[in-house]
Amino acid sequence: MPHATPPASPETTAPLRRRLGLVQATALNMIDMVGIGPFVTLPLVMGFMGPNFLLAWVVGAALSLVDGLIWSELGAAYPEAGGSYRFLKLAYGEHTWGRLMSFLYVWQTLVQAPLVVASGAIGFAQYFGYLVPLTEWWQPKLVSGVVVLLLIALLYRRIEEVGRLGVLLCVGVLGLMGWLIFGGLMHATQPVQWLPTGGVGALPGVLLSAAMGQATVKTIYSYLGYYNVCHLGGEVQEPHKLIPRSIFLSILGIMALYLLLNWSVGSVIPWQEAGQSEFIVSTFVERLYGATAAKAATALVLWVAFASLFAVLLGYSRIPYAAAADGEFLPVFARTHPTKHFPHVSLLLLGGVGFVFSLLFKLGEVISAILAMRILVQFVGQAIGVVLLRRRRGTAGLPFRMPLYPLPVVVVVAVWLWVFSSIQEGIEISWPFGGSGSFFLPFQVAALLMMTLGSIVFLLWSRQRQVWPFQRNHTT
């Protein structure tokens, strides 16, 4: 007889409490989206796109809005902890291929979530170097490591306390962005190009260029997080209404802030110069108000970066919990704190791995690595999953239905695959055991290797448990 891992016992697993309102959920989304991303990618995008840099931010926002339709439909219909874990499992079959897809998502989360945390912490340390010179090799690592440990300490509390803290952190995000935008409006010295030379007729060539692909990889990284509320679906009030509203309020709000921020910087600092700046925000404010104001702005950048990491680790910590509570991952991750009622084991593991990664890695191409690892399983797999769910369950009971279906699905899949193919970074790996030379491993290949390894682990684990695909009779 086939057997499965028993669900976690009532003594260790407790239901999550729906305490997050619209303001708190939107605030957690927005601070997840902003973070250190726009402040480190803005110069990179200008370097790729030249005077057409605003177009890359528009393309990133457009993809987020269309993809947000998919997240809204799924999140409103299935508001549970874990987000994509639950969506993938339901879409591809809870007892068949959905087990594999959801397992791969959790498998990748155990690596890419700590990488996201580490990238933000490393970026934090980079900007911290503007305030306090970090001359020794170990000093930036110390700063990034302390940031991760402080995050874990702040998140080790009840969800309603986390929600209130998230709103407070969001105030710092909006305050910094407002200051930078106001400074550009008041001190603009040069025009910013909204359309390429040649006007609308030149748009197709610019949009399909290799430079646009590379720039969009960076802008998309800065928009990621609009779906954070879906990971917290089991803790959101009236999720059938709140989740779609939170997603689109977050995207539209951040889109406006990013476009205004880029316009403000470009109207004061020529894009040729801005593209070479390591501390673009500090440089921008220093030029307008002097060194003291630049230090204050840098401190606010650090506030924003920390706030984003706060939301990132909060959302991701719910994913292994959801899988374990569902009986599809190690039972220890299903445990919730006996008095504070949050998945503390999951939080400690992801935070701990993020701490280690923050000591081992450099910021460099981490942005592209994170995207390469996530696109195929999470974003493309989830978009296709919407089609499968609609065919199997219909649309009558959906609280939110995307307009113009299936056009948004086709667009999302095509654009995500384009972004995936546009990633040009990779890893230089030297031959071990004294071998000479090295080889270049593109991040797309690394992502496929991770999927392959995860599939092998899944098959071995399923065989041990005697469940699909190693049982003769299974429910479809």
Protein backbone atom coordinates (compact mmCIF):
# COMPACT_ATOMS: atom_id res chain seq x y z
CA MET A 1 0.00 0.00 0.00
CA PRO A 2 1.38 3.43 -0.84
CA HIS A 3 1.86 5.73 2.06
CA ALA A 4 2.57 9.41 2.46
CA THR A 5 4.22 11.50 5.08
CA PRO A 6 1.66 12.23 7.81
CA PRO A 7 0.65 15.86 8.23
CA ALA A 8 2.19 17.84 11.02
CA SER A 9 0.52 17.30 14.38
CA PRO A 10 -1.85 19.89 15.89
CA GLU A 11 0.66 20.49 18.67
CA THR A 12 3.23 21.89 16.24
CA THR A 13 1.05 23.42 13.49
CA ALA A 14 -1.48 26.16 14.15
CA PRO A 15 -3.58 28.11 11.65
CA LEU A 16 -2.24 31.51 10.67
CA ARG A 17 -4.36 34.49 11.72
CA ARG A 18 -5.93 36.95 9.24
CA ARG A 19 -4.79 40.28 10.69
CA LEU A 20 -3.33 42.21 7.71
CA GLY A 21 -5.48 44.98 6.21
CA LEU A 22 -5.15 46.76 2.84
CA VAL A 23 -2.79 49.47 4.08
CA GLN A 24 -0.47 46.98 5.78
CA ALA A 25 -0.48 44.52 2.86
CA THR A 26 0.18 47.28 0.31
CA ALA A 27 2.94 48.73 2.48
CA LEU A 28 4.65 45.33 2.72
CA ASN A 29 4.38 44.96 -1.06
CA MET A 30 5.83 48.39 -1.75
CA ILE A 31 8.78 48.13 0.60
CA ASP A 32 9.51 44.72 -0.90
CA MET A 33 9.52 46.27 -4.38
CA VAL A 34 11.69 49.30 -3.67
CA GLY A 35 14.53 48.15 -1.46
CA ILE A 36 18.03 48.74 -2.74
CA GLY A 37 16.99 47.79 -6.29
CA PRO A 38 16.29 51.15 -8.00
CA PHE A 39 19.28 52.81 -6.38
CA VAL A 40 21.77 50.25 -7.70
CA THR A 41 20.06 49.46 -11.02
CA LEU A 42 19.34 53.05 -12.10
CA PRO A 43 22.94 53.65 -13.26
CA LEU A 44 23.06 50.22 -14.90
CA VAL A 45 19.89 50.92 -16.91
CA MET A 46 21.25 54.28 -18.02
CA GLY A 47 24.45 52.55 -19.10
CA PHE A 48 22.50 50.07 -21.26
CA MET A 49 19.85 52.42 -22.69
CA GLY A 50 21.56 55.81 -22.86
CA PRO A 51 19.02 58.62 -23.31
CA ASN A 52 16.19 56.06 -23.68
CA PHE A 53 16.51 54.81 -20.08
CA LEU A 54 12.91 55.69 -19.14
CA LEU A 55 11.58 53.19 -21.69
CA ALA A 56 13.13 50.27 -19.79
CA TRP A 57 11.26 51.27 -16.63
CA VAL A 58 8.01 51.52 -18.61
CA VAL A 59 8.56 48.02 -20.05
CA GLY A 60 9.26 46.63 -16.57
CA ALA A 61 6.09 48.23 -15.23
CA ALA A 62 4.02 46.92 -18.16
CA LEU A 63 5.20 43.35 -17.55
CA SER A 64 4.46 43.71 -13.83
CA LEU A 65 0.92 44.95 -14.51
CA VAL A 66 0.10 42.13 -16.91
CA ASP A 67 1.69 39.54 -14.65
CA GLY A 68 -0.21 41.11 -11.76
CA LEU A 69 -3.46 39.98 -13.43
CA ILE A 70 -2.32 36.36 -13.08
CA TRP A 71 -1.24 36.81 -9.46
CA SER A 72 -4.53 38.58 -8.65
CA GLU A 73 -6.68 35.82 -10.10
CA LEU A 74 -4.75 33.10 -8.30
CA GLY A 75 -4.29 35.00 -5.04
CA ALA A 76 -7.95 35.96 -4.72
CA ALA A 77 -9.15 32.43 -5.51
CA TYR A 78 -6.62 30.56 -3.33
CA PRO A 79 -5.59 32.87 -0.45
CA GLU A 80 -3.29 30.61 1.51
CA ALA A 81 0.23 30.83 2.88
CA GLY A 82 2.87 29.94 0.35
CA GLY A 83 1.65 31.78 -2.74
CA SER A 84 3.18 30.13 -5.79
CA TYR A 85 3.63 26.83 -3.94
CA ARG A 86 -0.13 26.41 -3.65
CA PHE A 87 -0.87 27.84 -7.09
CA LEU A 88 1.50 25.44 -8.87
CA LYS A 89 0.31 22.42 -6.95
CA LEU A 90 -3.35 23.08 -7.66
CA ALA A 91 -2.77 23.97 -11.30
CA TYR A 92 -0.76 20.90 -12.28
CA GLY A 93 -2.55 18.37 -10.05
CA GLU A 94 -2.19 17.99 -6.30
CA HIS A 95 -1.25 14.31 -6.52
CA THR A 96 0.68 14.25 -9.81
CA TRP A 97 2.69 16.88 -11.69
CA GLY A 98 1.66 19.57 -9.24
CA ARG A 99 3.73 17.80 -6.61
CA LEU A 100 6.82 18.12 -8.80
CA MET A 101 6.21 21.76 -9.79
CA SER A 102 5.51 22.89 -6.23
CA PHE A 103 8.48 20.92 -4.93
CA LEU A 104 10.77 22.60 -7.48
CA TYR A 105 9.47 25.98 -6.41
CA VAL A 106 10.20 25.31 -2.74
CA TRP A 107 13.54 23.73 -3.70
CA GLN A 108 14.55 26.88 -5.54
CA THR A 109 13.20 29.08 -2.75
CA LEU A 110 15.63 27.52 -0.28
CA VAL A 111 18.42 28.94 -2.45
CA GLN A 112 17.07 31.98 -4.25
CA ALA A 113 15.25 33.49 -1.25
CA PRO A 114 18.47 33.65 0.82
CA LEU A 115 20.21 35.02 -2.29
CA VAL A 116 17.64 37.81 -2.48
CA VAL A 117 18.17 38.55 1.20
CA ALA A 118 21.93 38.45 0.75
CA SER A 119 21.83 40.71 -2.33
CA GLY A 120 19.90 43.35 -0.40
CA ALA A 121 22.22 43.07 2.58
CA ILE A 122 25.29 43.34 0.35
CA GLY A 123 23.78 46.38 -1.38
CA PHE A 124 23.10 47.85 2.05
CA ALA A 125 26.77 47.42 2.94
CA GLN A 126 27.80 49.03 -0.36
CA TYR A 127 25.84 52.23 0.35
CA PHE A 128 26.90 52.12 4.00
CA GLY A 129 30.42 52.55 2.66
CA TYR A 130 29.50 56.10 1.59
CA LEU A 131 28.94 57.03 5.23
CA VAL A 132 31.69 54.97 6.82
CA PRO A 133 34.59 53.95 4.58
CA LEU A 134 34.95 50.16 4.60
CA THR A 135 38.56 49.67 3.67
CA GLU A 136 39.20 46.15 4.99
CA TRP A 137 37.84 43.15 3.06
CA TRP A 138 35.90 41.87 6.07
CA GLN A 139 34.13 45.11 6.97
CA PRO A 140 31.40 45.00 4.25
CA LYS A 141 30.76 41.36 5.15
CA LEU A 142 30.36 42.29 8.82
CA VAL A 143 27.82 44.98 7.93
CA SER A 144 25.75 42.71 5.66
CA GLY A 145 25.82 39.88 8.18
CA VAL A 146 24.62 42.10 11.02
CA VAL A 147 21.79 43.37 8.81
CA VAL A 148 20.49 39.83 8.25
CA LEU A 149 20.68 38.96 11.94
CA LEU A 150 18.79 42.13 12.86
CA LEU A 151 16.09 41.25 10.32
CA ILE A 152 15.56 37.85 11.90
CA ALA A 153 15.25 39.45 15.34
CA LEU A 154 12.66 41.99 14.16
CA LEU A 155 10.56 39.37 12.36
CA TYR A 156 10.51 37.06 15.36
CA ARG A 157 7.12 38.36 16.50
CA ARG A 158 3.34 38.29 15.87
CA ILE A 159 2.06 39.11 12.36
CA GLU A 160 -0.03 42.12 13.52
CA GLU A 161 3.11 43.64 15.04
CA VAL A 162 4.96 42.93 11.79
CA GLY A 163 2.20 44.67 9.82
CA ARG A 164 2.42 47.84 11.93
CA LEU A 165 6.21 47.85 11.65
CA GLY A 166 5.88 47.43 7.88
CA VAL A 167 3.74 50.59 7.65
CA LEU A 168 6.35 52.51 9.65
CA LEU A 169 9.13 51.34 7.38
CA CYS A 170 7.05 52.26 4.31
CA VAL A 171 6.91 55.87 5.55
CA GLY A 172 10.69 56.00 5.16
CA VAL A 173 10.41 54.59 1.62
CA LEU A 174 7.89 57.21 0.51
CA GLY A 175 9.76 59.98 2.31
CA LEU A 176 13.03 59.27 0.51
CA MET A 177 11.41 58.92 -2.92
CA GLY A 178 9.42 62.12 -2.39
CA TRP A 179 12.55 64.07 -1.40
CA LEU A 180 14.51 62.88 -4.44
CA ILE A 181 11.65 63.58 -6.85
CA PHE A 182 11.03 67.05 -5.38
CA GLY A 183 14.73 67.87 -5.67
CA GLY A 184 14.71 67.01 -9.37
CA LEU A 185 11.56 69.01 -10.04
CA MET A 186 13.02 72.09 -8.36
CA HIS A 187 16.52 71.89 -9.86
CA ALA A 188 16.06 70.45 -13.36
CA THR A 189 18.75 71.76 -15.71
CA GLN A 190 18.39 69.56 -18.80
CA PRO A 191 15.61 67.84 -20.76
CA VAL A 192 14.91 64.13 -20.38
CA GLN A 193 14.05 62.10 -23.45
CA TRP A 194 10.77 60.19 -23.11
CA LEU A 195 10.77 58.87 -26.70
CA PRO A 196 13.77 57.72 -28.78
CA THR A 197 15.22 59.90 -31.49
CA GLY A 198 12.83 59.55 -34.40
CA GLY A 199 9.72 59.49 -32.21
CA VAL A 200 7.10 56.76 -32.12
CA GLY A 201 8.33 55.26 -35.38
CA ALA A 202 11.67 54.37 -33.76
CA LEU A 203 10.07 52.59 -30.79
CA PRO A 204 9.96 49.04 -32.24
CA GLY A 205 13.69 49.00 -32.94
CA VAL A 206 14.57 50.26 -29.46
CA LEU A 207 12.16 47.93 -27.67
CA LEU A 208 13.48 44.83 -29.47
CA SER A 209 17.16 45.70 -29.03
CA ALA A 210 19.61 43.63 -26.99
CA ALA A 211 20.22 46.67 -24.78
CA MET A 212 16.52 46.81 -23.91
CA GLY A 213 16.59 43.12 -22.94
CA GLN A 214 19.54 43.61 -20.59
CA ALA A 215 18.06 46.79 -19.13
CA THR A 216 14.69 45.13 -18.57
CA VAL A 217 16.38 42.39 -16.54
CA LYS A 218 17.51 45.11 -14.14
CA THR A 219 14.22 47.02 -14.02
CA ILE A 220 12.19 43.85 -13.49
CA TYR A 221 14.37 43.04 -10.49
CA SER A 222 13.41 46.44 -9.05
CA TYR A 223 9.68 45.79 -9.58
CA LEU A 224 9.65 42.28 -8.10
CA GLY A 225 7.64 42.04 -4.91
CA TYR A 226 4.19 43.18 -6.10
CA TYR A 227 3.00 39.64 -5.31
CA ASN A 228 4.36 39.49 -1.75
CA VAL A 229 0.80 39.67 -0.43
CA CYS A 230 0.09 36.29 -2.06
CA HIS A 231 2.75 34.63 0.11
CA LEU A 232 0.89 36.06 3.10
CA GLY A 233 -2.52 34.99 1.77
CA GLY A 234 -3.35 33.05 4.94
CA GLU A 235 -2.90 36.20 7.05
CA VAL A 236 -4.85 38.73 4.95
CA GLN A 237 -8.34 40.03 5.76
CA GLU A 238 -10.97 39.60 3.00
CA PRO A 239 -8.33 38.26 0.61
CA HIS A 240 -10.71 37.95 -2.36
CA LYS A 241 -10.91 41.77 -2.44
CA LEU A 242 -7.73 42.87 -0.77
CA ILE A 243 -5.14 40.85 -2.70
CA PRO A 244 -5.93 42.21 -6.20
CA ARG A 245 -6.25 45.76 -4.85
CA SER A 246 -2.97 45.50 -3.00
CA ILE A 247 -1.15 44.16 -6.07
CA PHE A 248 -2.28 46.91 -8.44
CA LEU A 249 -1.96 49.73 -5.93
CA SER A 250 1.62 48.59 -5.33
CA ILE A 251 2.55 48.37 -9.01
CA LEU A 252 0.95 51.67 -10.03
CA GLY A 253 2.39 53.50 -7.04
CA ILE A 254 5.91 52.19 -7.51
CA MET A 255 5.75 52.72 -11.29
CA ALA A 256 4.97 56.40 -10.75
CA LEU A 257 7.75 56.73 -8.17
CA TYR A 258 10.34 54.99 -10.37
CA LEU A 259 9.54 57.04 -13.46
CA LEU A 260 9.61 60.29 -11.50
CA LEU A 261 12.83 59.28 -9.72
CA ASN A 262 14.60 58.48 -12.99
CA TRP A 263 13.32 61.68 -14.58
CA SER A 264 14.51 63.69 -11.57
CA VAL A 265 18.01 62.20 -11.63
CA GLY A 266 18.29 62.49 -15.42
CA SER A 267 17.19 66.13 -15.35
CA VAL A 268 20.03 67.04 -13.00
CA ILE A 269 22.87 64.61 -13.85
CA PRO A 270 23.58 63.73 -17.51
CA TRP A 271 22.91 60.05 -18.19
CA GLN A 272 26.52 59.58 -19.34
CA GLU A 273 27.73 60.60 -15.88
CA ALA A 274 24.94 58.91 -13.93
CA GLY A 275 25.66 55.61 -15.66
CA GLN A 276 29.12 55.57 -14.07
CA SER A 277 28.09 56.48 -10.52
CA GLU A 278 28.42 53.93 -7.72
CA PHE A 279 26.28 55.98 -5.30
CA ILE A 280 23.85 57.70 -7.64
CA VAL A 281 21.47 58.87 -4.89
CA SER A 282 24.30 60.28 -2.81
CA THR A 283 25.82 61.98 -5.85
CA PHE A 284 22.44 63.42 -6.85
CA VAL A 285 21.67 64.90 -3.43
CA GLU A 286 25.23 66.13 -2.92
CA ARG A 287 25.01 68.08 -6.16
CA LEU A 288 21.74 69.69 -5.09
CA TYR A 289 22.18 70.27 -1.37
CA GLY A 290 25.76 69.46 -0.36
CA ALA A 291 27.63 66.71 1.48
CA THR A 292 25.60 66.80 4.70
CA ALA A 293 22.32 66.32 2.86
CA ALA A 294 23.92 63.54 0.79
CA LYS A 295 24.77 61.67 3.97
CA ALA A 296 21.20 62.06 5.20
CA ALA A 297 19.90 60.73 1.86
CA THR A 298 22.27 57.80 2.05
CA ALA A 299 20.95 57.00 5.51
CA LEU A 300 17.43 56.96 4.07
CA VAL A 301 18.58 54.62 1.30
CA LEU A 302 19.79 52.28 4.01
CA TRP A 303 16.41 52.58 5.74
CA VAL A 304 14.63 51.68 2.49
CA ALA A 305 16.97 48.75 1.81
CA PHE A 306 16.41 47.38 5.29
CA ALA A 307 12.64 47.84 5.00
CA SER A 308 12.58 45.86 1.76
CA LEU A 309 14.59 43.00 3.22
CA PHE A 310 12.14 42.99 6.12
CA ALA A 311 9.24 42.34 3.72
CA VAL A 312 11.22 39.86 1.57
CA LEU A 313 12.21 37.59 4.44
CA LEU A 314 8.71 37.82 5.91
CA GLY A 315 7.06 36.62 2.69
CA TYR A 316 9.54 33.90 1.80
CA SER A 317 9.50 32.40 5.29
CA ARG A 318 5.88 31.36 4.66
CA ILE A 319 6.71 29.20 1.62
CA PRO A 320 8.54 26.21 3.20
CA TYR A 321 6.00 26.43 6.04
CA ALA A 322 3.10 26.04 3.61
CA ALA A 323 4.75 23.09 1.86
CA ALA A 324 5.53 21.31 5.12
CA ALA A 325 2.08 21.94 6.59
CA ASP A 326 0.73 20.40 3.37
CA GLY A 327 2.78 17.23 3.96
CA GLU A 328 5.01 17.90 0.95
CA PHE A 329 8.17 19.04 2.73
CA LEU A 330 10.11 18.31 5.89
CA PRO A 331 7.62 18.38 8.80
CA VAL A 332 9.89 20.53 10.96
CA PHE A 333 9.13 23.54 8.72
CA ALA A 334 5.42 23.31 9.59
CA ARG A 335 6.04 24.30 13.19
CA THR A 336 4.71 27.64 14.35
CA HIS A 337 5.81 29.52 17.42
CA PRO A 338 3.71 28.38 20.42
CA THR A 339 2.80 31.91 21.53
CA LYS A 340 3.57 34.26 18.62
CA HIS A 341 1.92 32.04 15.94
CA PHE A 342 4.35 32.42 13.02
CA PRO A 343 6.53 29.82 11.22
CA HIS A 344 9.69 30.37 13.20
CA VAL A 345 11.65 27.36 11.90
CA SER A 346 11.24 28.49 8.30
CA LEU A 347 12.22 32.04 9.22
CA LEU A 348 15.35 30.90 11.04
CA LEU A 349 16.49 28.62 8.21
CA LEU A 350 16.09 31.11 5.35
CA GLY A 351 17.53 33.89 7.45
CA GLY A 352 20.45 31.74 8.51
CA VAL A 353 21.29 30.71 4.93
CA GLY A 354 20.91 34.35 3.87
CA PHE A 355 23.42 35.28 6.57
CA VAL A 356 25.93 32.75 5.20
CA PHE A 357 25.38 33.93 1.61
CA SER A 358 25.89 37.55 2.66
CA LEU A 359 29.36 36.59 3.86
CA LEU A 360 30.29 34.55 0.78
CA PHE A 361 29.01 36.44 -2.28
CA LYS A 362 29.44 39.78 -4.03
CA LEU A 363 26.54 41.78 -5.44
CA GLY A 364 27.80 41.65 -9.05
CA GLU A 365 25.49 39.57 -11.23
CA VAL A 366 23.30 38.28 -8.40
CA ILE A 367 20.33 40.18 -9.86
CA SER A 368 20.49 38.21 -13.09
CA ALA A 369 21.09 34.94 -11.25
CA ILE A 370 17.97 35.43 -9.13
CA LEU A 371 15.80 36.13 -12.17
CA ALA A 372 17.21 33.22 -14.17
CA MET A 373 16.41 30.81 -11.37
CA ARG A 374 12.84 32.00 -10.89
CA ILE A 375 11.44 32.65 -14.35
CA LEU A 376 10.75 29.16 -15.70
CA VAL A 377 9.15 27.48 -12.68
CA GLN A 378 7.48 30.40 -10.94
CA PHE A 379 6.47 32.96 -13.54
CA VAL A 380 6.11 30.93 -16.74
CA GLY A 381 4.88 27.83 -14.92
CA GLN A 382 2.34 29.87 -12.99
CA ALA A 383 1.00 31.63 -16.10
CA ILE A 384 0.41 28.30 -17.83
CA GLY A 385 -1.11 27.02 -14.60
CA VAL A 386 -3.90 29.61 -14.81
CA VAL A 387 -4.98 28.08 -18.11
CA LEU A 388 -4.98 24.58 -16.61
CA LEU A 389 -7.00 25.70 -13.60
CA ARG A 390 -9.60 27.43 -15.73
CA ARG A 391 -10.04 24.34 -17.88
CA ARG A 392 -10.38 22.07 -14.86
CA ARG A 393 -12.46 24.22 -12.51
CA GLY A 394 -14.10 26.83 -14.72
CA THR A 395 -14.44 30.53 -13.90
CA ALA A 396 -17.83 30.71 -12.14
CA GLY A 397 -16.35 30.80 -8.64
CA LEU A 398 -13.43 33.13 -9.30
CA PRO A 399 -13.53 36.29 -7.13
CA PHE A 400 -11.27 38.05 -9.67
CA ARG A 401 -11.07 37.23 -13.37
CA MET A 402 -8.39 38.77 -15.55
CA PRO A 403 -9.75 40.78 -18.50
CA LEU A 404 -9.02 39.83 -22.13
CA TYR A 405 -8.15 36.24 -21.20
CA PRO A 406 -6.05 34.47 -22.57
CA LEU A 407 -4.12 37.45 -24.02
CA PRO A 408 -2.41 38.38 -20.69
CA VAL A 409 -1.17 34.78 -20.34
CA VAL A 410 0.30 34.75 -23.86
CA VAL A 411 1.98 38.11 -23.31
CA VAL A 412 3.40 37.14 -19.91
CA VAL A 413 4.87 33.85 -21.13
CA ALA A 414 6.41 35.47 -24.22
CA VAL A 415 7.92 38.42 -22.34
CA TRP A 416 9.28 36.31 -19.47
CA LEU A 417 10.97 33.97 -21.95
CA TRP A 418 12.42 37.02 -23.71
CA VAL A 419 13.77 38.32 -20.39
CA PHE A 420 15.21 34.86 -19.64
CA SER A 421 17.02 34.74 -23.00
CA SER A 422 18.29 38.31 -22.51
CA ILE A 423 20.36 37.42 -19.44
CA GLN A 424 23.99 37.53 -20.51
CA GLU A 425 25.77 37.14 -17.20
CA GLY A 426 27.11 33.92 -15.75
CA ILE A 427 29.74 32.38 -13.51
CA GLU A 428 33.41 31.80 -14.27
CA ILE A 429 34.27 28.38 -12.84
CA SER A 430 37.84 27.17 -12.54
CA TRP A 431 38.65 23.49 -12.98
CA PRO A 432 39.06 21.78 -9.60
CA PHE A 433 41.96 19.64 -8.37
CA GLY A 434 44.66 21.76 -9.92
CA GLY A 435 43.28 21.80 -13.45
CA SER A 436 44.21 24.74 -15.65
CA GLY A 437 41.74 27.10 -17.24
CA SER A 438 38.10 27.80 -16.54
CA PHE A 439 34.73 27.78 -18.24
CA PHE A 440 31.78 30.16 -18.37
CA LEU A 441 28.44 28.90 -17.00
CA PRO A 442 25.50 31.10 -18.11
CA PHE A 443 22.92 31.67 -15.42
CA GLN A 444 20.24 30.13 -17.64
CA VAL A 445 22.20 26.87 -17.67
CA ALA A 446 22.75 27.10 -13.91
CA ALA A 447 18.98 27.47 -13.44
CA LEU A 448 18.30 24.40 -15.59
CA LEU A 449 20.87 22.42 -13.62
CA MET A 450 19.16 23.42 -10.36
CA MET A 451 15.83 22.25 -11.77
CA THR A 452 17.40 18.95 -12.81
CA LEU A 453 18.97 18.39 -9.41
CA GLY A 454 15.69 19.29 -7.71
CA SER A 455 13.82 16.80 -9.90
CA ILE A 456 16.26 14.05 -8.94
CA VAL A 457 15.83 14.83 -5.23
CA PHE A 458 12.06 14.84 -5.70
CA LEU A 459 12.10 11.42 -7.38
CA LEU A 460 14.30 9.91 -4.68
CA TRP A 461 12.12 11.36 -1.93
CA SER A 462 8.90 10.21 -3.63
CA ARG A 463 10.28 6.74 -4.14
CA GLN A 464 11.13 6.49 -0.46
CA ARG A 465 7.57 7.55 0.45
CA GLN A 466 6.01 5.34 -2.26
CA VAL A 467 3.93 8.18 -3.70
CA TRP A 468 3.52 9.51 -7.24
CA PRO A 469 5.13 8.65 -9.60
CA PHE A 470 6.09 5.43 -7.78
CA GLN A 471 2.65 4.17 -6.85
CA ARG A 472 0.55 2.09 -9.19
CA ASN A 473 -2.77 3.77 -8.51
CA HIS A 474 -2.84 7.47 -7.93
CA THR A 475 -5.46 10.15 -7.90
CA THR A 476 -5.37 12.51 -10.86
